[in-house]
C-alpha atoms as a PDB file:
ATOM      1  CA  MET A   1      -0.028   0.197  -0.081  1.00  0.00           C
ATOM      2  CA  GLN A   2       1.068   3.737  -0.746  1.00  0.00           C
ATOM      3  CA  ARG A   3       2.501   5.454   2.220  1.00  0.00           C
ATOM      4  CA  ARG A   4       1.023   8.667   1.220  1.00  0.00           C
ATOM      5  CA  SER A   5      -0.321  10.733  -1.566  1.00  0.00           C
ATOM      6  CA  PRO A   6       1.778  13.942  -2.132  1.00  0.00           C
ATOM      7  CA  VAL A   7       0.036  17.212  -1.915  1.00  0.00           C
ATOM      8  CA  GLN A   8       2.658  19.651  -3.242  1.00  0.00           C
ATOM      9  CA  ALA A   9       3.188  19.635  -6.875  1.00  0.00           C
ATOM     10  CA  ARG A  10       6.553  19.180  -6.741  1.00  0.00           C
ATOM     11  CA  SER A  11       6.211  15.795  -4.475  1.00  0.00           C
ATOM     12  CA  ARG A  12       3.346  14.752  -7.064  1.00  0.00           C
ATOM     13  CA  GLU A  13       5.751  15.190 -10.078  1.00  0.00           C
ATOM     14  CA  ARG A  14       8.456  13.218  -8.251  1.00  0.00           C
ATOM     15  CA  MET A  15       6.178  10.481  -7.442  1.00  0.00           C
ATOM     16  CA  GLU A  16       5.011  10.253 -10.990  1.00  0.00           C
ATOM     17  CA  ARG A  17       8.371  10.033 -12.156  1.00  0.00           C
ATOM     18  CA  ILE A  18       9.342   7.228  -9.802  1.00  0.00           C
ATOM     19  CA  LEU A  19       6.162   5.380 -11.308  1.00  0.00           C
ATOM     20  CA  ASP A  20       7.331   6.147 -14.924  1.00  0.00           C
ATOM     21  CA  GLU A  21      10.709   4.583 -14.278  1.00  0.00           C
ATOM     22  CA  ALA A  22       9.303   1.783 -12.332  1.00  0.00           C
ATOM     23  CA  ALA A  23       7.144   0.881 -15.214  1.00  0.00           C
ATOM     24  CA  THR A  24       9.973   1.022 -17.769  1.00  0.00           C
ATOM     25  CA  LEU A  25      12.090  -1.281 -15.495  1.00  0.00           C
ATOM     26  CA  PHE A  26       9.172  -3.662 -14.786  1.00  0.00           C
ATOM     27  CA  ALA A  27       9.009  -3.773 -18.698  1.00  0.00           C
ATOM     28  CA  GLY A  28      12.646  -4.392 -19.190  1.00  0.00           C
ATOM     29  CA  ALA A  29      13.834  -6.421 -16.470  1.00  0.00           C
ATOM     30  CA  GLY A  30      10.752  -8.063 -14.867  1.00  0.00           C
ATOM     31  CA  PHE A  31       9.283  -7.889 -11.445  1.00  0.00           C
ATOM     32  CA  ASP A  32      11.863  -9.912  -9.736  1.00  0.00           C
ATOM     33  CA  ALA A  33      14.973  -8.222 -10.968  1.00  0.00           C
ATOM     34  CA  THR A  34      13.744  -4.742 -10.602  1.00  0.00           C
ATOM     35  CA  THR A  35      14.819  -3.239  -7.205  1.00  0.00           C
ATOM     36  CA  ILE A  36      13.927  -0.022  -5.157  1.00  0.00           C
ATOM     37  CA  GLU A  37      17.590   1.029  -5.532  1.00  0.00           C
ATOM     38  CA  ALA A  38      17.377   0.643  -9.494  1.00  0.00           C
ATOM     39  CA  ILE A  39      14.088   2.562  -9.533  1.00  0.00           C
ATOM     40  CA  ALA A  40      15.362   5.461  -7.359  1.00  0.00           C
ATOM     41  CA  ALA A  41      18.614   5.665  -9.638  1.00  0.00           C
ATOM     42  CA  ALA A  42      16.431   5.557 -13.014  1.00  0.00           C
ATOM     43  CA  ALA A  43      14.204   8.244 -11.415  1.00  0.00           C
ATOM     44  CA  GLN A  44      17.358  10.292 -10.500  1.00  0.00           C
ATOM     45  CA  THR A  45      16.200  10.433  -6.897  1.00  0.00           C
ATOM     46  CA  SER A  46      17.169   8.927  -3.582  1.00  0.00           C
ATOM     47  CA  VAL A  47      16.058   5.387  -2.183  1.00  0.00           C
ATOM     48  CA  GLY A  48      14.545   7.413   0.756  1.00  0.00           C
ATOM     49  CA  SER A  49      12.240   9.426  -1.560  1.00  0.00           C
ATOM     50  CA  VAL A  50      11.133   6.188  -3.065  1.00  0.00           C
ATOM     51  CA  TYR A  51      10.347   4.988   0.582  1.00  0.00           C
ATOM     52  CA  GLN A  52       8.672   8.235   1.350  1.00  0.00           C
ATOM     53  CA  PHE A  53       5.950   7.374  -1.214  1.00  0.00           C
ATOM     54  CA  PHE A  54       6.160   3.367  -1.191  1.00  0.00           C
ATOM     55  CA  PRO A  55       7.077   0.944   1.584  1.00  0.00           C
ATOM     56  CA  ASN A  56       8.272  -1.702  -0.996  1.00  0.00           C
ATOM     57  CA  LYS A  57       8.450  -2.818  -4.385  1.00  0.00           C
ATOM     58  CA  GLN A  58       5.111  -4.607  -4.613  1.00  0.00           C
ATOM     59  CA  ALA A  59       3.490  -1.022  -3.243  1.00  0.00           C
ATOM     60  CA  VAL A  60       5.102   0.413  -6.384  1.00  0.00           C
ATOM     61  CA  PHE A  61       3.676  -2.128  -8.718  1.00  0.00           C
ATOM     62  CA  ASP A  62       0.242  -2.018  -7.076  1.00  0.00           C
ATOM     63  CA  ALA A  63       0.415   1.845  -7.578  1.00  0.00           C
ATOM     64  CA  LEU A  64       1.109   1.432 -11.052  1.00  0.00           C
ATOM     65  CA  ALA A  65      -1.625  -1.006 -11.490  1.00  0.00           C
ATOM     66  CA  THR A  66      -4.075   1.335 -10.164  1.00  0.00           C
ATOM     67  CA  ARG A  67      -2.720   4.230 -12.276  1.00  0.00           C
ATOM     68  CA  TYR A  68      -3.126   2.124 -15.575  1.00  0.00           C
ATOM     69  CA  ALA A  69      -6.629   0.607 -14.230  1.00  0.00           C
ATOM     70  CA  ALA A  70      -7.718   4.449 -14.381  1.00  0.00           C
ATOM     71  CA  GLN A  71      -6.280   5.128 -17.545  1.00  0.00           C
ATOM     72  CA  VAL A  72      -7.963   2.296 -19.278  1.00  0.00           C
ATOM     73  CA  GLU A  73     -11.312   3.107 -17.788  1.00  0.00           C
ATOM     74  CA  ALA A  74     -11.051   6.502 -19.009  1.00  0.00           C
ATOM     75  CA  LEU A  75     -10.430   5.107 -22.210  1.00  0.00           C
ATOM     76  CA  PHE A  76     -13.262   2.892 -22.425  1.00  0.00           C
ATOM     77  CA  ALA A  77     -15.724   5.487 -21.087  1.00  0.00           C
ATOM     78  CA  ALA A  78     -14.485   8.014 -23.692  1.00  0.00           C
ATOM     79  CA  LEU A  79     -15.202   5.278 -26.242  1.00  0.00           C
ATOM     80  CA  ALA A  80     -18.796   4.578 -24.879  1.00  0.00           C
ATOM     81  CA  THR A  81     -19.680   8.369 -25.356  1.00  0.00           C
ATOM     82  CA  SER A  82     -17.794   8.924 -28.573  1.00  0.00           C
ATOM     83  CA  PRO A  83     -20.087  10.005 -31.700  1.00  0.00           C
ATOM     84  CA  ALA A  84     -18.010   7.758 -33.752  1.00  0.00           C
ATOM     85  CA  ARG A  85     -19.254   4.915 -32.184  1.00  0.00           C
ATOM     86  CA  ALA A  86     -22.573   5.400 -33.975  1.00  0.00           C
ATOM     87  CA  ALA A  87     -21.101   5.028 -37.458  1.00  0.00           C
ATOM     88  CA  SER A  88     -21.751   1.247 -37.201  1.00  0.00           C
ATOM     89  CA  TRP A  89     -21.507  -1.605 -34.749  1.00  0.00           C
ATOM     90  CA  SER A  90     -18.776  -2.924 -36.925  1.00  0.00           C
ATOM     91  CA  THR A  91     -16.983   0.456 -36.799  1.00  0.00           C
ATOM     92  CA  ALA A  92     -17.425   0.468 -32.892  1.00  0.00           C
ATOM     93  CA  ILE A  93     -15.827  -2.846 -32.609  1.00  0.00           C
ATOM     94  CA  ASP A  94     -12.754  -1.772 -34.626  1.00  0.00           C
ATOM     95  CA  LEU A  95     -12.417   1.282 -32.357  1.00  0.00           C
ATOM     96  CA  ALA A  96     -12.851  -0.457 -29.032  1.00  0.00           C
ATOM     97  CA  ILE A  97     -10.408  -3.115 -29.612  1.00  0.00           C
ATOM     98  CA  GLY A  98      -7.978  -1.080 -31.547  1.00  0.00           C
ATOM     99  CA  ALA A  99      -7.930   1.727 -28.938  1.00  0.00           C
ATOM    100  CA  PHE A 100      -6.994  -1.008 -26.277  1.00  0.00           C
ATOM    101  CA  ALA A 101      -4.545  -2.855 -28.543  1.00  0.00           C
ATOM    102  CA  THR A 102      -2.916   0.454 -29.195  1.00  0.00           C
ATOM    103  CA  PHE A 103      -2.740   1.420 -25.532  1.00  0.00           C
ATOM    104  CA  HIS A 104      -1.081  -1.732 -24.373  1.00  0.00           C
ATOM    105  CA  ARG A 105       1.322  -1.611 -27.379  1.00  0.00           C
ATOM    106  CA  GLY A 106       2.372   1.784 -26.799  1.00  0.00           C
ATOM    107  CA  ASP A 107       3.136   1.290 -23.314  1.00  0.00           C
ATOM    108  CA  PRO A 108       5.416  -1.658 -22.108  1.00  0.00           C
ATOM    109  CA  GLY A 109       5.062  -0.754 -18.436  1.00  0.00           C
ATOM    110  CA  PHE A 110       1.245  -1.270 -18.930  1.00  0.00           C
ATOM    111  CA  ARG A 111       1.867  -4.794 -20.403  1.00  0.00           C
ATOM    112  CA  ALA A 112       4.460  -5.919 -17.596  1.00  0.00           C
ATOM    113  CA  VAL A 113       1.608  -5.037 -15.050  1.00  0.00           C
ATOM    114  CA  TRP A 114      -0.887  -6.688 -17.051  1.00  0.00           C
ATOM    115  CA  LEU A 115       0.982  -9.721 -17.591  1.00  0.00           C
ATOM    116  CA  GLY A 116       2.318  -9.606 -14.029  1.00  0.00           C
ATOM    117  CA  GLY A 117      -1.079  -9.309 -12.188  1.00  0.00           C
ATOM    118  CA  HIS A 118      -0.412 -12.360 -10.360  1.00  0.00           C
ATOM    119  CA  THR A 119       1.973 -10.791  -7.761  1.00  0.00           C
ATOM    120  CA  SER A 120      -0.545  -9.582  -5.295  1.00  0.00           C
ATOM    121  CA  GLN A 121      -4.053 -10.095  -4.424  1.00  0.00           C
ATOM    122  CA  ARG A 122      -4.616  -6.233  -4.542  1.00  0.00           C
ATOM    123  CA  VAL A 123      -3.495  -6.310  -8.123  1.00  0.00           C
ATOM    124  CA  ARG A 124      -5.785  -9.381  -9.101  1.00  0.00           C
ATOM    125  CA  ASP A 125      -8.713  -7.552  -7.285  1.00  0.00           C
ATOM    126  CA  GLU A 126      -7.961  -4.356  -9.225  1.00  0.00           C
ATOM    127  CA  GLY A 127      -8.219  -6.299 -12.376  1.00  0.00           C
ATOM    128  CA  VAL A 128     -11.420  -7.850 -11.758  1.00  0.00           C
ATOM    129  CA  ALA A 129     -13.005  -4.658 -10.933  1.00  0.00           C
ATOM    130  CA  LEU A 130     -11.759  -2.905 -13.749  1.00  0.00           C
ATOM    131  CA  GLY A 131     -13.029  -6.125 -15.876  1.00  0.00           C
ATOM    132  CA  ARG A 132     -16.567  -5.206 -14.586  1.00  0.00           C
ATOM    133  CA  ARG A 133     -16.293  -1.676 -15.138  1.00  0.00           C
ATOM    134  CA  ILE A 134     -15.007  -2.073 -18.695  1.00  0.00           C
ATOM    135  CA  THR A 135     -18.053  -4.469 -19.328  1.00  0.00           C
ATOM    136  CA  ASP A 136     -20.481  -1.793 -18.216  1.00  0.00           C
ATOM    137  CA  HIS A 137     -18.817   0.607 -20.586  1.00  0.00           C
ATOM    138  CA  THR A 138     -19.041  -2.107 -23.468  1.00  0.00           C
ATOM    139  CA  ALA A 139     -22.691  -2.757 -22.713  1.00  0.00           C
ATOM    140  CA  ARG A 140     -23.519   0.982 -23.013  1.00  0.00           C
ATOM    141  CA  LEU A 141     -21.368   0.847 -26.226  1.00  0.00           C
ATOM    142  CA  MET A 142     -23.458  -1.991 -27.870  1.00  0.00           C
ATOM    143  CA  LYS A 143     -26.864  -0.329 -26.792  1.00  0.00           C
ATOM    144  CA  PRO A 144     -27.291   1.390 -30.254  1.00  0.00           C
ATOM    145  CA  PHE A 145     -26.654  -1.717 -32.035  1.00  0.00           C
ATOM    146  CA  LEU A 146     -28.554  -4.122 -29.976  1.00  0.00           C
ATOM    147  CA  PRO A 147     -32.048  -2.115 -29.843  1.00  0.00           C
ATOM    148  CA  GLY A 148     -34.568  -3.582 -27.362  1.00  0.00           C
ATOM    149  CA  VAL A 149     -31.996  -6.011 -25.953  1.00  0.00           C
ATOM    150  CA  PRO A 150     -32.253  -5.562 -22.076  1.00  0.00           C
ATOM    151  CA  LEU A 151     -29.332  -4.287 -20.021  1.00  0.00           C
ATOM    152  CA  ALA A 152     -28.987  -7.507 -18.425  1.00  0.00           C
ATOM    153  CA  ARG A 153     -28.650  -9.464 -21.704  1.00  0.00           C
ATOM    154  CA  ARG A 154     -25.936  -6.896 -23.182  1.00  0.00           C
ATOM    155  CA  ARG A 155     -24.091  -7.235 -19.932  1.00  0.00           C
ATOM    156  CA  VAL A 156     -23.884 -10.965 -20.534  1.00  0.00           C
ATOM    157  CA  VAL A 157     -22.713 -10.423 -24.485  1.00  0.00           C
ATOM    158  CA  ALA A 158     -20.346  -7.665 -22.993  1.00  0.00           C
ATOM    159  CA  THR A 159     -18.756  -9.970 -20.428  1.00  0.00           C
ATOM    160  CA  VAL A 160     -18.167 -12.486 -23.169  1.00  0.00           C
ATOM    161  CA  VAL A 161     -16.682 -10.017 -25.656  1.00  0.00           C
ATOM    162  CA  VAL A 162     -14.594  -8.287 -22.704  1.00  0.00           C
ATOM    163  CA  GLU A 163     -13.154 -11.656 -21.602  1.00  0.00           C
ATOM    164  CA  THR A 164     -12.355 -13.061 -24.852  1.00  0.00           C
ATOM    165  CA  VAL A 165     -10.442 -10.057 -25.984  1.00  0.00           C
ATOM    166  CA  ASN A 166      -8.716  -9.924 -22.704  1.00  0.00           C
ATOM    167  CA  ALA A 167      -7.528 -13.209 -22.905  1.00  0.00           C
ATOM    168  CA  LEU A 168      -6.361 -13.105 -26.398  1.00  0.00           C
ATOM    169  CA  LEU A 169      -4.796  -9.679 -26.058  1.00  0.00           C
ATOM    170  CA  MET A 170      -2.256 -11.423 -23.719  1.00  0.00           C
ATOM    171  CA  VAL A 171      -1.342 -13.340 -26.369  1.00  0.00           C
ATOM    172  CA  ALA A 172      -0.805 -10.532 -29.042  1.00  0.00           C
ATOM    173  CA  ALA A 173       1.186  -8.837 -26.149  1.00  0.00           C
ATOM    174  CA  GLN A 174       3.445 -11.669 -26.027  1.00  0.00           C
ATOM    175  CA  GLN A 175       4.318 -11.932 -29.690  1.00  0.00           C
ATOM    176  CA  PRO A 176       7.854 -11.485 -30.642  1.00  0.00           C
ATOM    177  CA  THR A 177       7.007  -8.919 -33.305  1.00  0.00           C
ATOM    178  CA  ALA A 178       4.804  -5.744 -33.617  1.00  0.00           C
ATOM    179  CA  SER A 179       3.596  -7.438 -37.012  1.00  0.00           C
ATOM    180  CA  GLY A 180       2.764 -10.734 -35.304  1.00  0.00           C
ATOM    181  CA  GLY A 181       0.574  -9.011 -32.623  1.00  0.00           C
ATOM    182  CA  ASP A 182      -1.027  -7.063 -35.105  1.00  0.00           C
ATOM    183  CA  ARG A 183      -2.156 -10.090 -36.794  1.00  0.00           C
ATOM    184  CA  VAL A 184      -3.483 -11.649 -33.532  1.00  0.00           C
ATOM    185  CA  VAL A 185      -5.537  -8.355 -32.911  1.00  0.00           C
ATOM    186  CA  ASP A 186      -6.702  -8.719 -36.493  1.00  0.00           C
ATOM    187  CA  GLU A 187      -8.118 -12.197 -35.554  1.00  0.00           C
ATOM    188  CA  ILE A 188      -9.574 -11.178 -32.254  1.00  0.00           C
ATOM    189  CA  THR A 189     -11.610  -8.353 -34.102  1.00  0.00           C
ATOM    190  CA  ALA A 190     -12.773 -11.116 -36.588  1.00  0.00           C
ATOM    191  CA  ILE A 191     -13.803 -13.452 -33.908  1.00  0.00           C
ATOM    192  CA  VAL A 192     -15.773 -10.691 -31.782  1.00  0.00           C
ATOM    193  CA  LYS A 193     -17.505  -9.666 -34.986  1.00  0.00           C
ATOM    194  CA  ARG A 194     -18.442 -13.077 -36.009  1.00  0.00           C
ATOM    195  CA  TYR A 195     -19.983 -13.583 -32.483  1.00  0.00           C
ATOM    196  CA  LEU A 196     -21.928 -10.267 -32.531  1.00  0.00           C
ATOM    197  CA  ALA A 197     -23.275 -10.548 -36.059  1.00  0.00           C
ATOM    198  CA  PRO A 198     -26.085 -12.621 -35.451  1.00  0.00           C
ATOM    199  CA  LEU A 199     -26.898 -11.137 -32.260  1.00  0.00           C
ATOM    200  CA  VAL A 200     -27.069  -7.747 -33.955  1.00  0.00           C
ATOM    201  CA  ARG A 201     -29.365  -9.341 -36.939  1.00  0.00           C
ATOM    202  CA  GLU A 202     -31.686 -10.571 -34.477  1.00  0.00           C
ATOM    203  CA  ALA A 203     -32.138  -7.307 -32.543  1.00  0.00           C
ATOM    204  CA  ARG A 204     -32.677  -5.665 -35.831  1.00  0.00           C
ATOM    205  CA  ARG A 205     -35.442  -7.944 -36.941  1.00  0.00           C
ATOM    206  CA  ALA A 206     -37.254  -7.819 -33.250  1.00  0.00           C
END
């Protein structure tokens, strides 16, 4: 658990720099090989400064998980209210999966936290809670394309989509090349569209 939340702007900037550098180290060296000393050196601050905010390395990792969860939720909340989602259900799927894939591809630290979520119960709980919130956003995203479908049914469909995409994007994140990851993302998108297409047709007929 984080020791304290900084109030002064200078302290907040130092804490954010510590988290930024820790994310880079977790991505490059892995959780086990990363040390508080290495984080402090990369952030150009003292070990004592790191301990002012975080009691140990796990607390740094947990704080990153919380920060990334907020960023991902903000991303999906924006998608759920974006005018572009109304173009077509197929375009909405492209936007949602593409945005998440771009997010994790563009930030190796996020991938490190995402793939290393087993390191603490707090990170696992954070992931479960985030998945539920993303499911809620996805259910709202689907509303224009599943007219008349009750929210409870849309939440079930959204759960299947979110969990499928989540699991398969882990595969994409571990591909040895960017092009290999892109091909997996393309296949994920195709899978989701094939699952949703008959549901959309049925809702429109009804």
